[in-house]
Amino acid sequence: MDNYRALQEFLGRFMPLSGEDFAILKKKSSVVHIRKKDIITDAGDTELYLYFVVKGLIREYFYKGSQQVTTDLISEGTITGSVTSFFTGAPSHFCLQAMEPCSLVAIHKGALEDLYRSNRSWEKFGRIITTHFLLQQEKQILNSTILSPRERFLHFLTAYNHLVQRVPQKYLASFLQIKPETFSRMKHLLRKNHKKQSVS
């Protein structure tokens, strides 16, 4: 699928966009290709871009001492970036790393602000982006505080099963706030139960 077609379909789920409005966005953004394991944003950087993931997978993490703590896994059809840094201009606390080769549509903060000033459609787009990030943040907070480790594990398998084979187990365990050995045990028990159900 064309890089911008994917973005147009994503935005179309939230707001109607004329061909003219979308043409303005295309002029003010660019497609970037990132190699696997490359750092897109590093801790301490000021985030100047938002990205739409056309293809690939990105891991967001921060350092707790020498340990990396995974806070998000971003796949196709999602907008990402070090959001607090982008909107406040403060240095980012997070790193964004490509887990796979990625194709992204990138828009610079200055270009996005120009879009907001250009017409009401793009003002609405700004509100949509803000709402999108707030909802994602709230969902993650609820999952991490209300759900038990087992519930978080099962919820992830239900909602994001397509990521299980794409993300190394240590990052999945970190994202779910589960010890790697607990994650392995849960995975083993789930497999065992599936086999029992298949036999019966």
N, C-alpha and C. Protein backbone atom coordinates (compact mmCIF):
# COMPACT_ATOMS: atom_id res chain seq x y z
N MET A 1 0.85 -1.20 0.00
CA MET A 1 0.00 0.00 0.00
C MET A 1 0.88 1.25 0.00
N ASP A 2 0.45 2.26 -0.73
CA ASP A 2 1.17 3.53 -0.76
C ASP A 2 1.28 4.10 0.65
N ASN A 3 2.46 4.66 0.96
CA ASN A 3 2.70 5.17 2.32
C ASN A 3 1.64 6.18 2.76
N TYR A 4 1.31 7.10 1.88
CA TYR A 4 0.35 8.14 2.25
C TYR A 4 -1.09 7.63 2.23
N ARG A 5 -1.34 6.60 1.43
CA ARG A 5 -2.68 6.01 1.41
C ARG A 5 -3.02 5.44 2.78
N ALA A 6 -2.05 4.79 3.40
CA ALA A 6 -2.27 4.23 4.74
C ALA A 6 -2.60 5.34 5.74
N LEU A 7 -1.88 6.45 5.66
CA LEU A 7 -2.14 7.58 6.56
C LEU A 7 -3.51 8.20 6.29
N GLN A 8 -3.85 8.32 5.01
CA GLN A 8 -5.15 8.90 4.64
C GLN A 8 -6.30 8.05 5.18
N GLU A 9 -6.15 6.74 5.10
CA GLU A 9 -7.19 5.85 5.63
C GLU A 9 -7.29 5.96 7.15
N PHE A 10 -6.14 6.09 7.81
CA PHE A 10 -6.13 6.25 9.26
C PHE A 10 -6.86 7.53 9.67
N LEU A 11 -6.51 8.64 9.03
CA LEU A 11 -7.15 9.92 9.38
C LEU A 11 -8.63 9.92 9.04
N GLY A 12 -8.98 9.20 7.96
CA GLY A 12 -10.38 9.14 7.53
C GLY A 12 -11.29 8.49 8.54
N ARG A 13 -10.72 7.72 9.46
CA ARG A 13 -11.54 7.11 10.51
C ARG A 13 -11.96 8.13 11.56
N PHE A 14 -11.27 9.26 11.60
CA PHE A 14 -11.54 10.26 12.63
C PHE A 14 -12.18 11.54 12.08
N MET A 15 -11.87 11.88 10.83
CA MET A 15 -12.35 13.15 10.28
C MET A 15 -12.37 13.10 8.76
N PRO A 16 -13.32 13.80 8.14
CA PRO A 16 -13.32 13.88 6.68
C PRO A 16 -12.23 14.84 6.21
N LEU A 17 -11.49 14.44 5.18
CA LEU A 17 -10.41 15.27 4.66
C LEU A 17 -10.59 15.44 3.16
N SER A 18 -10.57 16.67 2.69
CA SER A 18 -10.63 16.90 1.25
C SER A 18 -9.28 16.55 0.63
N GLY A 19 -9.29 16.33 -0.68
CA GLY A 19 -8.04 16.06 -1.38
C GLY A 19 -7.06 17.21 -1.22
N GLU A 20 -7.60 18.42 -1.19
CA GLU A 20 -6.75 19.61 -1.04
C GLU A 20 -6.08 19.65 0.34
N ASP A 21 -6.86 19.32 1.38
CA ASP A 21 -6.31 19.30 2.74
C ASP A 21 -5.20 18.26 2.86
N PHE A 22 -5.45 17.09 2.27
CA PHE A 22 -4.45 16.03 2.39
C PHE A 22 -3.20 16.35 1.58
N ALA A 23 -3.38 17.04 0.46
CA ALA A 23 -2.22 17.45 -0.35
C ALA A 23 -1.31 18.39 0.44
N ILE A 24 -1.91 19.23 1.28
CA ILE A 24 -1.12 20.14 2.13
C ILE A 24 -0.27 19.32 3.11
N LEU A 25 -0.89 18.30 3.69
CA LEU A 25 -0.16 17.44 4.63
C LEU A 25 1.01 16.74 3.93
N LYS A 26 0.78 16.26 2.73
CA LYS A 26 1.85 15.56 1.99
C LYS A 26 3.04 16.48 1.74
N LYS A 27 2.74 17.74 1.43
CA LYS A 27 3.82 18.70 1.16
C LYS A 27 4.64 19.00 2.42
N LYS A 28 3.98 18.94 3.56
CA LYS A 28 4.65 19.34 4.81
C LYS A 28 5.26 18.15 5.57
N SER A 29 5.11 16.95 5.03
CA SER A 29 5.64 15.76 5.70
C SER A 29 6.57 15.01 4.75
N SER A 30 7.17 13.95 5.24
CA SER A 30 8.08 13.16 4.40
C SER A 30 8.03 11.70 4.84
N VAL A 31 8.42 10.82 3.94
CA VAL A 31 8.50 9.39 4.26
C VAL A 31 9.95 9.07 4.60
N VAL A 32 10.15 8.44 5.74
CA VAL A 32 11.50 8.05 6.15
C VAL A 32 11.56 6.54 6.34
N HIS A 33 12.70 5.96 6.03
CA HIS A 33 12.90 4.52 6.17
C HIS A 33 13.99 4.29 7.21
N ILE A 34 13.66 3.50 8.21
CA ILE A 34 14.55 3.27 9.35
C ILE A 34 15.00 1.81 9.36
N ARG A 35 16.29 1.60 9.59
CA ARG A 35 16.80 0.23 9.65
C ARG A 35 16.50 -0.40 11.01
N LYS A 36 16.43 -1.71 11.01
CA LYS A 36 16.21 -2.46 12.25
C LYS A 36 17.29 -2.10 13.28
N LYS A 37 16.87 -1.89 14.52
CA LYS A 37 17.72 -1.57 15.67
C LYS A 37 18.17 -0.11 15.72
N ASP A 38 17.90 0.68 14.67
CA ASP A 38 18.28 2.09 14.71
C ASP A 38 17.45 2.83 15.77
N ILE A 39 18.08 3.80 16.43
CA ILE A 39 17.38 4.66 17.39
C ILE A 39 16.74 5.82 16.63
N ILE A 40 15.45 5.98 16.80
CA ILE A 40 14.71 7.06 16.14
C ILE A 40 14.76 8.32 17.00
N THR A 41 14.51 8.16 18.27
CA THR A 41 14.64 9.25 19.25
C THR A 41 15.41 8.69 20.45
N ASP A 42 16.38 9.44 20.94
CA ASP A 42 17.18 8.98 22.08
C ASP A 42 16.81 9.77 23.33
N ALA A 43 16.99 9.17 24.49
CA ALA A 43 16.77 9.88 25.75
C ALA A 43 17.68 11.10 25.79
N GLY A 44 17.12 12.24 26.18
CA GLY A 44 17.89 13.48 26.21
C GLY A 44 17.69 14.34 24.98
N ASP A 45 17.20 13.72 23.89
CA ASP A 45 16.89 14.49 22.68
C ASP A 45 15.60 15.28 22.90
N THR A 46 15.46 16.38 22.18
CA THR A 46 14.17 17.08 22.12
C THR A 46 13.44 16.55 20.90
N GLU A 47 12.25 16.01 21.11
CA GLU A 47 11.49 15.41 20.00
C GLU A 47 10.93 16.50 19.09
N LEU A 48 11.29 16.44 17.83
CA LEU A 48 10.84 17.44 16.86
C LEU A 48 9.86 16.88 15.85
N TYR A 49 9.60 15.57 15.90
CA TYR A 49 8.74 14.93 14.90
C TYR A 49 7.68 14.05 15.56
N LEU A 50 6.54 13.95 14.87
CA LEU A 50 5.59 12.88 15.11
C LEU A 50 5.66 11.95 13.92
N TYR A 51 5.42 10.66 14.17
CA TYR A 51 5.55 9.65 13.12
C TYR A 51 4.28 8.82 13.00
N PHE A 52 3.90 8.53 11.76
CA PHE A 52 2.85 7.56 11.51
C PHE A 52 3.52 6.30 10.99
N VAL A 53 3.25 5.17 11.64
CA VAL A 53 3.91 3.92 11.26
C VAL A 53 3.15 3.27 10.11
N VAL A 54 3.76 3.29 8.94
CA VAL A 54 3.18 2.63 7.76
C VAL A 54 3.53 1.15 7.79
N LYS A 55 4.78 0.87 8.09
CA LYS A 55 5.25 -0.51 8.13
C LYS A 55 6.34 -0.63 9.19
N GLY A 56 6.29 -1.73 9.94
CA GLY A 56 7.34 -1.97 10.92
C GLY A 56 6.85 -1.92 12.36
N LEU A 57 7.79 -1.97 13.27
CA LEU A 57 7.49 -2.06 14.69
C LEU A 57 8.52 -1.24 15.47
N ILE A 58 8.04 -0.44 16.41
CA ILE A 58 8.89 0.44 17.21
C ILE A 58 8.69 0.11 18.69
N ARG A 59 9.79 0.12 19.42
CA ARG A 59 9.72 -0.07 20.88
C ARG A 59 10.06 1.24 21.57
N GLU A 60 9.23 1.62 22.53
CA GLU A 60 9.52 2.79 23.38
C GLU A 60 9.99 2.27 24.74
N TYR A 61 11.07 2.84 25.24
CA TYR A 61 11.58 2.39 26.54
C TYR A 61 12.31 3.53 27.24
N PHE A 62 12.55 3.34 28.54
CA PHE A 62 13.39 4.28 29.29
C PHE A 62 14.38 3.46 30.12
N TYR A 63 15.38 4.15 30.64
CA TYR A 63 16.39 3.49 31.46
C TYR A 63 16.07 3.66 32.94
N LYS A 64 16.05 2.55 33.65
CA LYS A 64 15.95 2.55 35.11
C LYS A 64 17.27 2.00 35.62
N GLY A 65 18.20 2.90 35.92
CA GLY A 65 19.58 2.48 36.16
C GLY A 65 20.17 2.01 34.84
N SER A 66 20.64 0.79 34.81
CA SER A 66 21.18 0.24 33.56
C SER A 66 20.16 -0.62 32.82
N GLN A 67 18.98 -0.76 33.42
CA GLN A 67 17.95 -1.64 32.85
C GLN A 67 17.01 -0.87 31.92
N GLN A 68 16.69 -1.47 30.78
CA GLN A 68 15.71 -0.89 29.87
C GLN A 68 14.31 -1.37 30.26
N VAL A 69 13.39 -0.40 30.41
CA VAL A 69 12.00 -0.73 30.74
C VAL A 69 11.13 -0.37 29.54
N THR A 70 10.51 -1.37 28.94
CA THR A 70 9.68 -1.15 27.75
C THR A 70 8.32 -0.59 28.15
N THR A 71 7.95 0.55 27.57
CA THR A 71 6.69 1.19 27.92
C THR A 71 5.65 1.13 26.81
N ASP A 72 6.08 0.85 25.58
CA ASP A 72 5.10 0.76 24.49
C ASP A 72 5.69 -0.02 23.33
N LEU A 73 4.81 -0.65 22.57
CA LEU A 73 5.16 -1.35 21.34
C LEU A 73 4.23 -0.82 20.26
N ILE A 74 4.80 -0.17 19.26
CA ILE A 74 4.00 0.57 18.29
C ILE A 74 4.14 -0.08 16.92
N SER A 75 3.01 -0.55 16.39
CA SER A 75 3.04 -1.21 15.09
C SER A 75 2.26 -0.39 14.06
N GLU A 76 1.98 -1.01 12.92
CA GLU A 76 1.38 -0.30 11.79
C GLU A 76 0.06 0.38 12.15
N GLY A 77 -0.15 1.54 11.54
CA GLY A 77 -1.41 2.25 11.71
C GLY A 77 -1.51 3.06 12.98
N THR A 78 -0.37 3.45 13.54
CA THR A 78 -0.35 4.18 14.80
C THR A 78 0.55 5.42 14.69
N ILE A 79 0.16 6.49 15.38
CA ILE A 79 0.99 7.69 15.47
C ILE A 79 1.85 7.57 16.72
N THR A 80 3.12 7.93 16.60
CA THR A 80 4.01 7.84 17.75
C THR A 80 5.02 8.98 17.77
N GLY A 81 5.81 9.00 18.80
CA GLY A 81 6.84 10.01 19.02
C GLY A 81 7.00 10.15 20.52
N SER A 82 8.04 10.81 20.96
CA SER A 82 8.18 11.09 22.39
C SER A 82 7.28 12.29 22.68
N VAL A 83 6.05 11.99 23.05
CA VAL A 83 4.96 12.97 23.00
C VAL A 83 5.17 14.16 23.94
N THR A 84 5.51 13.90 25.19
CA THR A 84 5.69 15.00 26.14
C THR A 84 6.78 15.94 25.67
N SER A 85 7.88 15.38 25.18
CA SER A 85 8.98 16.19 24.66
C SER A 85 8.53 17.00 23.45
N PHE A 86 7.75 16.37 22.57
CA PHE A 86 7.28 17.04 21.35
C PHE A 86 6.44 18.27 21.69
N PHE A 87 5.52 18.11 22.63
CA PHE A 87 4.59 19.20 22.92
C PHE A 87 5.15 20.24 23.89
N THR A 88 6.12 19.87 24.73
CA THR A 88 6.65 20.82 25.71
C THR A 88 8.02 21.38 25.34
N GLY A 89 8.75 20.67 24.49
CA GLY A 89 10.11 21.09 24.15
C GLY A 89 11.15 20.63 25.15
N ALA A 90 10.72 19.87 26.17
CA ALA A 90 11.66 19.35 27.17
C ALA A 90 12.40 18.13 26.60
N PRO A 91 13.60 17.84 27.11
CA PRO A 91 14.31 16.63 26.65
C PRO A 91 13.48 15.38 26.91
N SER A 92 13.57 14.44 26.00
CA SER A 92 12.81 13.20 26.12
C SER A 92 13.40 12.29 27.20
N HIS A 93 12.50 11.66 27.96
CA HIS A 93 12.94 10.64 28.92
C HIS A 93 12.97 9.26 28.26
N PHE A 94 12.42 9.18 27.05
CA PHE A 94 12.23 7.89 26.40
C PHE A 94 13.10 7.74 25.15
N CYS A 95 13.35 6.49 24.81
CA CYS A 95 14.01 6.14 23.55
C CYS A 95 12.99 5.45 22.65
N LEU A 96 13.08 5.71 21.36
CA LEU A 96 12.29 4.98 20.37
C LEU A 96 13.26 4.23 19.48
N GLN A 97 13.06 2.92 19.38
CA GLN A 97 13.97 2.08 18.59
C GLN A 97 13.17 1.21 17.62
N ALA A 98 13.68 1.12 16.39
CA ALA A 98 13.04 0.26 15.39
C ALA A 98 13.34 -1.20 15.70
N MET A 99 12.31 -2.00 15.89
CA MET A 99 12.48 -3.43 16.12
C MET A 99 12.53 -4.20 14.80
N GLU A 100 12.05 -3.55 13.75
CA GLU A 100 12.05 -4.10 12.39
C GLU A 100 12.38 -2.95 11.45
N PRO A 101 12.73 -3.22 10.19
CA PRO A 101 12.83 -2.12 9.23
C PRO A 101 11.48 -1.39 9.18
N CYS A 102 11.52 -0.06 9.26
CA CYS A 102 10.28 0.73 9.36
C CYS A 102 10.15 1.73 8.22
N SER A 103 8.93 1.92 7.76
CA SER A 103 8.58 3.03 6.87
C SER A 103 7.63 3.93 7.65
N LEU A 104 8.00 5.20 7.79
CA LEU A 104 7.25 6.15 8.61
C LEU A 104 6.94 7.40 7.81
N VAL A 105 5.78 7.99 8.06
CA VAL A 105 5.50 9.34 7.58
C VAL A 105 5.82 10.27 8.74
N ALA A 106 6.75 11.19 8.53
CA ALA A 106 7.22 12.07 9.59
C ALA A 106 6.78 13.51 9.33
N ILE A 107 6.35 14.19 10.38
CA ILE A 107 6.01 15.61 10.24
C ILE A 107 6.70 16.38 11.37
N HIS A 108 7.37 17.45 10.99
CA HIS A 108 8.11 18.29 11.94
C HIS A 108 7.13 19.14 12.75
N LYS A 109 7.52 19.46 13.96
CA LYS A 109 6.67 20.25 14.85
C LYS A 109 6.28 21.58 14.21
N GLY A 110 7.23 22.26 13.59
CA GLY A 110 6.94 23.54 12.95
C GLY A 110 5.94 23.39 11.82
N ALA A 111 6.08 22.32 11.03
CA ALA A 111 5.15 22.08 9.92
C ALA A 111 3.75 21.77 10.44
N LEU A 112 3.69 21.04 11.56
CA LEU A 112 2.39 20.71 12.15
C LEU A 112 1.71 21.97 12.67
N GLU A 113 2.47 22.86 13.27
CA GLU A 113 1.90 24.12 13.75
C GLU A 113 1.41 24.98 12.59
N ASP A 114 2.13 24.94 11.46
CA ASP A 114 1.67 25.64 10.25
C ASP A 114 0.34 25.07 9.77
N LEU A 115 0.22 23.74 9.83
CA LEU A 115 -1.04 23.10 9.43
C LEU A 115 -2.19 23.56 10.31
N TYR A 116 -1.96 23.61 11.62
CA TYR A 116 -3.01 24.04 12.55
C TYR A 116 -3.50 25.44 12.21
N ARG A 117 -2.56 26.28 11.78
CA ARG A 117 -2.93 27.67 11.47
C ARG A 117 -3.61 27.80 10.10
N SER A 118 -3.46 26.78 9.26
CA SER A 118 -3.91 26.92 7.87
C SER A 118 -5.43 26.87 7.72
N ASN A 119 -6.10 25.99 8.45
CA ASN A 119 -7.57 25.94 8.39
C ASN A 119 -8.14 25.12 9.54
N ARG A 120 -9.47 25.12 9.64
CA ARG A 120 -10.12 24.47 10.78
C ARG A 120 -10.00 22.95 10.75
N SER A 121 -9.90 22.39 9.55
CA SER A 121 -9.76 20.93 9.45
C SER A 121 -8.53 20.47 10.21
N TRP A 122 -7.44 21.21 10.06
CA TRP A 122 -6.20 20.81 10.72
C TRP A 122 -6.19 21.17 12.20
N GLU A 123 -6.97 22.18 12.59
CA GLU A 123 -7.16 22.44 14.03
C GLU A 123 -7.82 21.22 14.67
N LYS A 124 -8.82 20.68 13.97
CA LYS A 124 -9.51 19.48 14.45
C LYS A 124 -8.53 18.30 14.53
N PHE A 125 -7.67 18.21 13.54
CA PHE A 125 -6.66 17.16 13.51
C PHE A 125 -5.78 17.23 14.76
N GLY A 126 -5.43 18.45 15.17
CA GLY A 126 -4.62 18.63 16.38
C GLY A 126 -5.33 18.10 17.61
N ARG A 127 -6.63 18.34 17.70
CA ARG A 127 -7.39 17.83 18.84
C ARG A 127 -7.46 16.31 18.81
N ILE A 128 -7.57 15.76 17.59
CA ILE A 128 -7.63 14.31 17.44
C ILE A 128 -6.34 13.67 17.92
N ILE A 129 -5.21 14.25 17.53
CA ILE A 129 -3.91 13.71 17.95
C ILE A 129 -3.80 13.72 19.47
N THR A 130 -4.17 14.85 20.08
CA THR A 130 -4.09 14.97 21.54
C THR A 130 -4.97 13.93 22.21
N THR A 131 -6.21 13.79 21.72
CA THR A 131 -7.13 12.81 22.28
C THR A 131 -6.59 11.39 22.11
N HIS A 132 -6.03 11.12 20.94
CA HIS A 132 -5.46 9.80 20.63
C HIS A 132 -4.41 9.42 21.67
N PHE A 133 -3.50 10.33 21.95
CA PHE A 133 -2.43 10.04 22.91
C PHE A 133 -2.96 9.92 24.34
N LEU A 134 -3.91 10.76 24.69
CA LEU A 134 -4.47 10.70 26.05
C LEU A 134 -5.20 9.39 26.29
N LEU A 135 -5.97 8.93 25.30
CA LEU A 135 -6.69 7.67 25.43
C LEU A 135 -5.73 6.49 25.54
N GLN A 136 -4.68 6.52 24.72
CA GLN A 136 -3.68 5.45 24.78
C GLN A 136 -3.01 5.41 26.14
N GLN A 137 -2.68 6.60 26.64
CA GLN A 137 -2.01 6.69 27.95
C GLN A 137 -2.90 6.16 29.06
N GLU A 138 -4.19 6.57 29.03
CA GLU A 138 -5.11 6.13 30.07
C GLU A 138 -5.31 4.61 30.02
N LYS A 139 -5.41 4.07 28.81
CA LYS A 139 -5.59 2.63 28.66
C LYS A 139 -4.41 1.86 29.24
N GLN A 140 -3.20 2.36 28.98
CA GLN A 140 -2.01 1.69 29.51
C GLN A 140 -1.94 1.78 31.03
N ILE A 141 -2.31 2.94 31.57
CA ILE A 141 -2.30 3.11 33.03
C ILE A 141 -3.30 2.16 33.68
N LEU A 142 -4.50 2.08 33.10
CA LEU A 142 -5.53 1.19 33.65
C LEU A 142 -5.07 -0.26 33.61
N ASN A 143 -4.50 -0.67 32.47
CA ASN A 143 -4.05 -2.05 32.34
C ASN A 143 -2.96 -2.40 33.35
N SER A 144 -2.05 -1.44 33.57
CA SER A 144 -0.91 -1.73 34.45
C SER A 144 -1.27 -1.66 35.93
N THR A 145 -2.34 -0.93 36.28
CA THR A 145 -2.69 -0.77 37.69
C THR A 145 -3.87 -1.64 38.13
N ILE A 146 -4.81 -1.89 37.24
CA ILE A 146 -6.01 -2.63 37.62
C ILE A 146 -5.88 -4.13 37.35
N LEU A 147 -5.28 -4.48 36.22
CA LEU A 147 -5.19 -5.89 35.85
C LEU A 147 -4.06 -6.60 36.59
N SER A 148 -4.30 -7.84 36.92
CA SER A 148 -3.25 -8.67 37.52
C SER A 148 -2.25 -9.06 36.43
N PRO A 149 -1.05 -9.56 36.80
CA PRO A 149 -0.10 -9.99 35.77
C PRO A 149 -0.71 -10.99 34.79
N ARG A 150 -1.47 -11.94 35.31
CA ARG A 150 -2.10 -12.94 34.43
C ARG A 150 -3.11 -12.28 33.50
N GLU A 151 -3.90 -11.34 34.03
CA GLU A 151 -4.89 -10.65 33.21
C GLU A 151 -4.22 -9.80 32.14
N ARG A 152 -3.10 -9.15 32.51
CA ARG A 152 -2.36 -8.36 31.52
C ARG A 152 -1.84 -9.26 30.40
N PHE A 153 -1.33 -10.41 30.78
CA PHE A 153 -0.81 -11.37 29.81
C PHE A 153 -1.92 -11.82 28.85
N LEU A 154 -3.07 -12.21 29.40
CA LEU A 154 -4.17 -12.69 28.57
C LEU A 154 -4.75 -11.58 27.70
N HIS A 155 -4.83 -10.37 28.27
CA HIS A 155 -5.34 -9.24 27.49
C HIS A 155 -4.43 -8.96 26.30
N PHE A 156 -3.12 -9.01 26.53
CA PHE A 156 -2.17 -8.76 25.45
C PHE A 156 -2.32 -9.81 24.35
N LEU A 157 -2.47 -11.07 24.73
CA LEU A 157 -2.62 -12.13 23.74
C LEU A 157 -3.89 -11.94 22.92
N THR A 158 -4.93 -11.43 23.56
CA THR A 158 -6.20 -11.21 22.86
C THR A 158 -6.14 -10.00 21.95
N ALA A 159 -5.62 -8.90 22.48
CA ALA A 159 -5.65 -7.63 21.74
C ALA A 159 -4.47 -7.46 20.78
N TYR A 160 -3.33 -8.05 21.12
CA TYR A 160 -2.11 -7.80 20.32
C TYR A 160 -1.40 -9.09 19.95
N ASN A 161 -2.18 -10.12 19.67
CA ASN A 161 -1.59 -11.42 19.35
C ASN A 161 -0.62 -11.35 18.17
N HIS A 162 -0.88 -10.38 17.26
CA HIS A 162 -0.03 -10.25 16.07
C HIS A 162 1.40 -9.81 16.42
N LEU A 163 1.60 -9.34 17.65
CA LEU A 163 2.93 -8.89 18.05
C LEU A 163 3.76 -9.98 18.75
N VAL A 164 3.10 -11.05 19.18
CA VAL A 164 3.78 -12.06 19.99
C VAL A 164 4.99 -12.64 19.27
N GLN A 165 4.85 -12.91 17.98
CA GLN A 165 5.97 -13.49 17.23
C GLN A 165 6.95 -12.44 16.71
N ARG A 166 6.61 -11.17 16.87
CA ARG A 166 7.45 -10.11 16.32
C ARG A 166 8.35 -9.45 17.37
N VAL A 167 8.05 -9.68 18.64
CA VAL A 167 8.77 -9.00 19.73
C VAL A 167 9.49 -10.03 20.60
N PRO A 168 10.79 -9.86 20.86
CA PRO A 168 11.50 -10.77 21.77
C PRO A 168 10.80 -10.85 23.13
N GLN A 169 10.83 -12.03 23.70
CA GLN A 169 10.08 -12.30 24.93
C GLN A 169 10.48 -11.36 26.08
N LYS A 170 11.77 -11.00 26.16
CA LYS A 170 12.21 -10.14 27.28
C LYS A 170 11.56 -8.76 27.20
N TYR A 171 11.29 -8.27 25.98
CA TYR A 171 10.63 -6.97 25.83
C TYR A 171 9.14 -7.07 26.12
N LEU A 172 8.53 -8.20 25.73
CA LEU A 172 7.12 -8.41 26.05
C LEU A 172 6.93 -8.47 27.56
N ALA A 173 7.80 -9.20 28.24
CA ALA A 173 7.71 -9.31 29.70
C ALA A 173 7.87 -7.94 30.36
N SER A 174 8.82 -7.15 29.88
CA SER A 174 9.04 -5.81 30.42
C SER A 174 7.82 -4.93 30.20
N PHE A 175 7.26 -4.98 29.01
CA PHE A 175 6.08 -4.17 28.67
C PHE A 175 4.90 -4.53 29.57
N LEU A 176 4.74 -5.81 29.85
CA LEU A 176 3.61 -6.27 30.67
C LEU A 176 3.91 -6.20 32.17
N GLN A 177 5.12 -5.73 32.52
CA GLN A 177 5.55 -5.65 33.91
C GLN A 177 5.47 -7.02 34.60
N ILE A 178 5.98 -8.00 33.88
CA ILE A 178 6.02 -9.38 34.36
C ILE A 178 7.46 -9.85 34.30
N LYS A 179 7.90 -10.60 35.30
CA LYS A 179 9.25 -11.16 35.25
C LYS A 179 9.36 -12.13 34.08
N PRO A 180 10.50 -12.15 33.40
CA PRO A 180 10.66 -13.04 32.24
C PRO A 180 10.31 -14.50 32.54
N GLU A 181 10.70 -14.97 33.73
CA GLU A 181 10.40 -16.37 34.08
C GLU A 181 8.91 -16.59 34.28
N THR A 182 8.21 -15.56 34.82
CA THR A 182 6.75 -15.65 34.97
C THR A 182 6.08 -15.66 33.61
N PHE A 183 6.57 -14.81 32.71
CA PHE A 183 6.04 -14.77 31.35
C PHE A 183 6.17 -16.13 30.68
N SER A 184 7.35 -16.74 30.81
CA SER A 184 7.60 -18.06 30.22
C SER A 184 6.66 -19.11 30.80
N ARG A 185 6.46 -19.05 32.12
CA ARG A 185 5.58 -20.01 32.78
C ARG A 185 4.14 -19.86 32.30
N MET A 186 3.67 -18.61 32.19
CA MET A 186 2.31 -18.37 31.71
C MET A 186 2.14 -18.87 30.27
N LYS A 187 3.14 -18.60 29.46
CA LYS A 187 3.09 -19.03 28.06
C LYS A 187 3.03 -20.55 27.98
N HIS A 188 3.83 -21.21 28.82
CA HIS A 188 3.87 -22.67 28.84
C HIS A 188 2.52 -23.24 29.28
N LEU A 189 1.93 -22.67 30.34
CA LEU A 189 0.64 -23.15 30.84
C LEU A 189 -0.47 -22.94 29.81
N LEU A 190 -0.41 -21.81 29.11
CA LEU A 190 -1.41 -21.53 28.09
C LEU A 190 -1.33 -22.57 26.97
N ARG A 191 -0.09 -22.88 26.55
CA ARG A 191 0.11 -23.89 25.51
C ARG A 191 -0.41 -25.26 25.97
N LYS A 192 -0.13 -25.57 27.23
CA LYS A 192 -0.54 -26.85 27.80
C LYS A 192 -2.06 -26.96 27.83
N ASN A 193 -2.74 -25.88 28.22
CA ASN A 193 -4.20 -25.87 28.27
C ASN A 193 -4.81 -26.02 26.88
N HIS A 194 -4.19 -25.37 25.90
CA HIS A 194 -4.68 -25.48 24.52
C HIS A 194 -4.58 -26.92 24.03
N LYS A 195 -3.48 -27.59 24.39
CA LYS A 195 -3.30 -28.99 23.98
C LYS A 195 -4.36 -29.88 24.62
N LYS A 196 -4.65 -29.63 25.92
CA LYS A 196 -5.67 -30.41 26.62
C LYS A 196 -7.04 -30.23 25.97
N GLN A 197 -7.35 -28.97 25.61
CA GLN A 197 -8.63 -28.67 24.98
C GLN A 197 -8.74 -29.33 23.61
N SER A 198 -7.61 -29.40 22.90
CA SER A 198 -7.60 -30.01 21.58
C SER A 198 -7.86 -31.51 21.68
N VAL A 199 -7.28 -32.14 22.72
CA VAL A 199 -7.44 -33.58 22.91
C VAL A 199 -8.86 -33.91 23.33
N SER A 200 -9.41 -33.09 24.24
CA SER A 200 -10.78 -33.32 24.73
C SER A 200 -11.79 -32.80 23.73
